[in-house]
């Protein structure tokens, strides 16, 4: 298996990455929104939802 960041062979300790650095690069991409999971919902779908009930 190769590292998805730099394409070097992966290391068992950091699998699927080759090093801690590549693992942290990947985490940083997720945290900054560089990676995104596509959805069928559009941004306008949030406005069309009924308001959530509030607790008294």
C-alpha atoms as a PDB file:
ATOM      1  CA  UNK A   1       0.000   0.000   0.000  1.00  0.00           C
ATOM      2  CA  UNK A   2       1.278   3.476  -0.780  1.00  0.00           C
ATOM      3  CA  UNK A   3       0.800   6.658   1.206  1.00  0.00           C
ATOM      4  CA  UNK A   4      -2.129   8.673  -0.219  1.00  0.00           C
ATOM      5  CA  UNK A   5      -0.227  11.929   0.412  1.00  0.00           C
ATOM      6  CA  UNK A   6       3.288  11.320  -0.970  1.00  0.00           C
ATOM      7  CA  UNK A   7       2.998   7.882  -2.622  1.00  0.00           C
ATOM      8  CA  UNK A   8       5.861   6.347  -0.577  1.00  0.00           C
ATOM      9  CA  UNK A   9       5.333   2.859   0.885  1.00  0.00           C
ATOM     10  CA  UNK A  10       3.121   2.998   3.971  1.00  0.00           C
ATOM     11  CA  UNK A  11       4.440   2.262   7.442  1.00  0.00           C
ATOM     12  CA  UNK A  12       2.489  -0.079   9.736  1.00  0.00           C
ATOM     13  CA  UNK A  13       2.545   2.424  12.622  1.00  0.00           C
ATOM     14  CA  UNK A  14       0.903   5.158  10.529  1.00  0.00           C
ATOM     15  CA  UNK A  15      -1.083   3.080   8.036  1.00  0.00           C
ATOM     16  CA  UNK A  16      -2.230   4.058   5.441  1.00  0.00           C
ATOM     17  CA  UNK A  17       0.385   6.833   5.645  1.00  0.00           C
ATOM     18  CA  UNK A  18       4.169   6.563   5.542  1.00  0.00           C
ATOM     19  CA  UNK A  19       4.820   8.924   8.445  1.00  0.00           C
ATOM     20  CA  UNK A  20       3.243  11.045  11.124  1.00  0.00           C
ATOM     21  CA  UNK A  21       3.831  14.101   8.938  1.00  0.00           C
ATOM     22  CA  UNK A  22       1.674  12.721   6.116  1.00  0.00           C
ATOM     23  CA  UNK A  23      -1.013  11.673   8.613  1.00  0.00           C
ATOM     24  CA  UNK A  24      -1.077  15.230   9.988  1.00  0.00           C
ATOM     25  CA  UNK A  25      -1.199  16.728   6.486  1.00  0.00           C
ATOM     26  CA  UNK A  26      -4.276  14.596   5.798  1.00  0.00           C
ATOM     27  CA  UNK A  27      -5.905  15.600   9.095  1.00  0.00           C
ATOM     28  CA  UNK A  28      -5.235  19.248   8.328  1.00  0.00           C
ATOM     29  CA  UNK A  29      -6.951  18.892   4.971  1.00  0.00           C
ATOM     30  CA  UNK A  30     -10.062  17.468   6.650  1.00  0.00           C
ATOM     31  CA  UNK A  31     -10.093  20.172   9.321  1.00  0.00           C
ATOM     32  CA  UNK A  32      -9.737  23.045   6.843  1.00  0.00           C
ATOM     33  CA  UNK A  33     -12.440  21.696   4.548  1.00  0.00           C
ATOM     34  CA  UNK A  34     -10.116  20.768   1.684  1.00  0.00           C
ATOM     35  CA  UNK A  35     -11.837  17.390   1.706  1.00  0.00           C
ATOM     36  CA  UNK A  36     -15.609  17.267   1.724  1.00  0.00           C
ATOM     37  CA  UNK A  37     -18.146  14.489   1.583  1.00  0.00           C
ATOM     38  CA  UNK A  38     -20.714  15.333  -1.093  1.00  0.00           C
ATOM     39  CA  UNK A  39     -24.386  15.342  -0.182  1.00  0.00           C
ATOM     40  CA  UNK A  40     -27.604  15.621  -2.122  1.00  0.00           C
ATOM     41  CA  UNK A  41     -28.721  18.546   0.038  1.00  0.00           C
ATOM     42  CA  UNK A  42     -28.176  22.038  -1.256  1.00  0.00           C
ATOM     43  CA  UNK A  43     -27.469  25.076   0.865  1.00  0.00           C
ATOM     44  CA  UNK A  44     -31.063  26.251   0.425  1.00  0.00           C
ATOM     45  CA  UNK A  45     -32.416  23.012   1.929  1.00  0.00           C
ATOM     46  CA  UNK A  46     -31.623  24.287   5.430  1.00  0.00           C
ATOM     47  CA  UNK A  47     -33.932  27.283   4.967  1.00  0.00           C
ATOM     48  CA  UNK A  48     -36.816  25.059   3.858  1.00  0.00           C
ATOM     49  CA  UNK A  49     -36.786  22.890   6.986  1.00  0.00           C
ATOM     50  CA  UNK A  50     -39.342  23.654   9.686  1.00  0.00           C
ATOM     51  CA  UNK A  51     -37.892  25.138  12.900  1.00  0.00           C
ATOM     52  CA  UNK A  52     -36.909  22.713  15.623  1.00  0.00           C
ATOM     53  CA  UNK A  53     -39.195  22.621  18.658  1.00  0.00           C
ATOM     54  CA  UNK A  54     -37.780  24.402  21.687  1.00  0.00           C
ATOM     55  CA  UNK A  55     -37.715  22.973  25.178  1.00  0.00           C
ATOM     56  CA  UNK A  56     -39.554  24.955  27.857  1.00  0.00           C
END
